[in-house]
Amino acid sequence: MAQGPLKPFLIQKDDTGNFRLTVRTTRYNSIGYPIVSSKLQDEIFETQSAAKAYARKNFNAEAGEYATK
């Protein structure tokens, strides 16, 4: 289990060298256990900065909300 809360935006490099953005949401069940849902976005980005810009524009992402692992 991960230590602390997950960052809601995961940016990973795929096999072809492009970057992909995954949006993660965390909710908690009745006993406080976190349940994480992930949705890989259809868009493909040439740079990590482009993926961050997309997240800022479409999901109101802020600095510090990105993960790369």
N, C-alpha and C. Protein backbone atom coordinates (compact mmCIF):
# COMPACT_ATOMS: atom_id res chain seq x y z
N MET A 1 0.84 -1.17 0.00
CA MET A 1 0.00 0.00 0.00
C MET A 1 0.89 1.24 0.00
N ALA A 2 0.50 2.26 -0.73
CA ALA A 2 1.29 3.47 -0.86
C ALA A 2 1.27 4.27 0.43
N GLN A 3 2.35 4.96 0.69
CA GLN A 3 2.44 5.83 1.85
C GLN A 3 1.87 7.20 1.49
N GLY A 4 0.88 7.67 2.21
CA GLY A 4 0.28 8.98 1.96
C GLY A 4 -0.65 8.96 0.76
N PRO A 5 -1.28 10.09 0.50
CA PRO A 5 -2.23 10.16 -0.62
C PRO A 5 -1.54 10.11 -1.98
N LEU A 6 -2.23 9.55 -2.95
CA LEU A 6 -1.70 9.49 -4.32
C LEU A 6 -1.87 10.84 -5.00
N LYS A 7 -0.95 11.15 -5.87
CA LYS A 7 -1.09 12.37 -6.66
C LYS A 7 -2.08 12.07 -7.78
N PRO A 8 -2.99 13.00 -8.05
CA PRO A 8 -4.08 12.70 -8.97
C PRO A 8 -3.71 12.59 -10.45
N PHE A 9 -2.52 13.03 -10.84
CA PHE A 9 -2.14 12.99 -12.25
C PHE A 9 -0.84 12.22 -12.41
N LEU A 10 -0.90 11.13 -13.16
CA LEU A 10 0.26 10.29 -13.42
C LEU A 10 0.68 10.47 -14.87
N ILE A 11 1.94 10.84 -15.08
CA ILE A 11 2.47 11.01 -16.43
C ILE A 11 3.54 9.95 -16.64
N GLN A 12 3.34 9.12 -17.67
CA GLN A 12 4.28 8.04 -17.96
C GLN A 12 4.68 8.07 -19.42
N LYS A 13 5.90 7.62 -19.68
CA LYS A 13 6.40 7.50 -21.05
C LYS A 13 6.07 6.10 -21.55
N ASP A 14 5.50 6.03 -22.77
CA ASP A 14 5.16 4.72 -23.32
C ASP A 14 6.33 4.15 -24.13
N ASP A 15 6.12 2.99 -24.72
CA ASP A 15 7.18 2.30 -25.45
C ASP A 15 7.68 3.07 -26.68
N THR A 16 6.82 3.93 -27.24
CA THR A 16 7.20 4.67 -28.44
C THR A 16 7.86 6.01 -28.13
N GLY A 17 7.99 6.34 -26.84
CA GLY A 17 8.63 7.58 -26.45
C GLY A 17 7.68 8.74 -26.22
N ASN A 18 6.39 8.49 -26.37
CA ASN A 18 5.40 9.53 -26.12
C ASN A 18 4.95 9.47 -24.67
N PHE A 19 4.34 10.55 -24.21
CA PHE A 19 3.87 10.61 -22.83
C PHE A 19 2.36 10.44 -22.79
N ARG A 20 1.89 9.75 -21.74
CA ARG A 20 0.46 9.52 -21.54
C ARG A 20 0.08 10.03 -20.16
N LEU A 21 -1.14 10.53 -20.04
CA LEU A 21 -1.65 11.08 -18.79
C LEU A 21 -2.74 10.18 -18.25
N THR A 22 -2.61 9.81 -16.98
CA THR A 22 -3.64 9.05 -16.28
C THR A 22 -4.19 9.92 -15.16
N VAL A 23 -5.52 10.04 -15.10
CA VAL A 23 -6.17 10.81 -14.06
C VAL A 23 -6.67 9.83 -13.00
N ARG A 24 -6.26 10.05 -11.75
CA ARG A 24 -6.64 9.16 -10.67
C ARG A 24 -7.54 9.90 -9.68
N THR A 25 -8.59 9.23 -9.24
CA THR A 25 -9.47 9.79 -8.22
C THR A 25 -9.48 8.84 -7.03
N THR A 26 -9.51 9.41 -5.86
CA THR A 26 -9.51 8.62 -4.63
C THR A 26 -10.79 8.93 -3.86
N ARG A 27 -11.48 7.89 -3.46
CA ARG A 27 -12.63 8.03 -2.57
C ARG A 27 -12.44 7.03 -1.45
N TYR A 28 -13.20 7.19 -0.41
CA TYR A 28 -13.01 6.36 0.78
C TYR A 28 -14.30 5.62 1.10
N ASN A 29 -14.16 4.33 1.48
CA ASN A 29 -15.34 3.55 1.84
C ASN A 29 -15.76 3.89 3.27
N SER A 30 -16.74 3.18 3.77
CA SER A 30 -17.33 3.52 5.07
C SER A 30 -16.37 3.35 6.24
N ILE A 31 -15.31 2.57 6.07
CA ILE A 31 -14.35 2.41 7.16
C ILE A 31 -13.05 3.19 6.91
N GLY A 32 -13.08 4.08 5.91
CA GLY A 32 -11.95 4.95 5.65
C GLY A 32 -10.86 4.38 4.77
N TYR A 33 -11.11 3.24 4.14
CA TYR A 33 -10.12 2.63 3.25
C TYR A 33 -10.18 3.33 1.90
N PRO A 34 -9.04 3.76 1.35
CA PRO A 34 -9.06 4.47 0.07
C PRO A 34 -9.30 3.52 -1.11
N ILE A 35 -10.15 3.98 -2.02
CA ILE A 35 -10.42 3.26 -3.26
C ILE A 35 -10.01 4.19 -4.40
N VAL A 36 -9.04 3.75 -5.20
CA VAL A 36 -8.48 4.59 -6.26
C VAL A 36 -8.98 4.09 -7.61
N SER A 37 -9.48 5.03 -8.41
CA SER A 37 -9.89 4.74 -9.79
C SER A 37 -8.95 5.49 -10.72
N SER A 38 -8.56 4.85 -11.82
CA SER A 38 -7.64 5.46 -12.78
C SER A 38 -8.26 5.45 -14.16
N LYS A 39 -8.05 6.54 -14.91
CA LYS A 39 -8.53 6.61 -16.29
C LYS A 39 -7.41 7.17 -17.16
N LEU A 40 -6.91 6.33 -18.07
CA LEU A 40 -5.90 6.74 -19.02
C LEU A 40 -6.56 7.61 -20.08
N GLN A 41 -6.03 8.79 -20.30
CA GLN A 41 -6.59 9.71 -21.29
C GLN A 41 -6.19 9.25 -22.69
N ASP A 42 -7.03 9.55 -23.66
CA ASP A 42 -6.79 9.13 -25.04
C ASP A 42 -5.67 9.91 -25.72
N GLU A 43 -5.41 11.12 -25.25
CA GLU A 43 -4.42 11.98 -25.87
C GLU A 43 -3.00 11.44 -25.67
N ILE A 44 -2.17 11.70 -26.65
CA ILE A 44 -0.76 11.33 -26.61
C ILE A 44 0.04 12.63 -26.73
N PHE A 45 1.08 12.77 -25.89
CA PHE A 45 1.85 14.01 -25.84
C PHE A 45 3.31 13.73 -26.18
N GLU A 46 3.94 14.68 -26.86
CA GLU A 46 5.34 14.52 -27.23
C GLU A 46 6.27 14.83 -26.07
N THR A 47 5.83 15.69 -25.15
CA THR A 47 6.67 16.05 -24.01
C THR A 47 5.87 15.96 -22.72
N GLN A 48 6.60 15.86 -21.62
CA GLN A 48 5.97 15.82 -20.31
C GLN A 48 5.31 17.17 -20.02
N SER A 49 5.92 18.25 -20.48
CA SER A 49 5.35 19.58 -20.28
C SER A 49 4.01 19.73 -20.98
N ALA A 50 3.86 19.14 -22.15
CA ALA A 50 2.60 19.19 -22.87
C ALA A 50 1.51 18.44 -22.10
N ALA A 51 1.86 17.33 -21.50
CA ALA A 51 0.89 16.57 -20.69
C ALA A 51 0.47 17.38 -19.47
N LYS A 52 1.41 18.06 -18.85
CA LYS A 52 1.09 18.90 -17.68
C LYS A 52 0.19 20.06 -18.09
N ALA A 53 0.47 20.68 -19.23
CA ALA A 53 -0.35 21.79 -19.71
C ALA A 53 -1.78 21.32 -19.99
N TYR A 54 -1.91 20.14 -20.55
CA TYR A 54 -3.24 19.57 -20.81
C TYR A 54 -3.99 19.34 -19.49
N ALA A 55 -3.30 18.82 -18.49
CA ALA A 55 -3.93 18.58 -17.18
C ALA A 55 -4.34 19.89 -16.52
N ARG A 56 -3.51 20.92 -16.64
CA ARG A 56 -3.86 22.23 -16.07
C ARG A 56 -5.10 22.80 -16.75
N LYS A 57 -5.13 22.69 -18.07
CA LYS A 57 -6.24 23.28 -18.83
C LYS A 57 -7.55 22.52 -18.62
N ASN A 58 -7.50 21.21 -18.65
CA ASN A 58 -8.73 20.41 -18.64
C ASN A 58 -9.17 19.90 -17.27
N PHE A 59 -8.23 19.81 -16.33
CA PHE A 59 -8.57 19.25 -15.03
C PHE A 59 -8.19 20.17 -13.87
N ASN A 60 -7.80 21.41 -14.18
CA ASN A 60 -7.39 22.39 -13.16
C ASN A 60 -6.29 21.85 -12.25
N ALA A 61 -5.34 21.16 -12.83
CA ALA A 61 -4.21 20.61 -12.06
C ALA A 61 -3.33 21.76 -11.58
N GLU A 62 -2.70 21.53 -10.43
CA GLU A 62 -1.81 22.53 -9.85
C GLU A 62 -0.42 21.90 -9.66
N ALA A 63 0.55 22.74 -9.44
CA ALA A 63 1.91 22.26 -9.21
C ALA A 63 1.92 21.32 -8.01
N GLY A 64 2.67 20.23 -8.11
CA GLY A 64 2.77 19.28 -7.03
C GLY A 64 1.75 18.17 -7.09
N GLU A 65 0.86 18.19 -8.08
CA GLU A 65 -0.15 17.14 -8.21
C GLU A 65 0.21 16.10 -9.27
N TYR A 66 1.44 16.12 -9.74
CA TYR A 66 1.89 15.20 -10.78
C TYR A 66 2.81 14.13 -10.20
N ALA A 67 2.67 12.94 -10.72
CA ALA A 67 3.56 11.84 -10.36
C ALA A 67 4.09 11.24 -11.66
N THR A 68 5.28 10.65 -11.59
CA THR A 68 5.86 10.01 -12.76
C THR A 68 6.09 8.52 -12.53
N LYS A 69 5.73 8.00 -11.37
CA LYS A 69 5.87 6.58 -11.06
C LYS A 69 4.56 6.05 -10.54
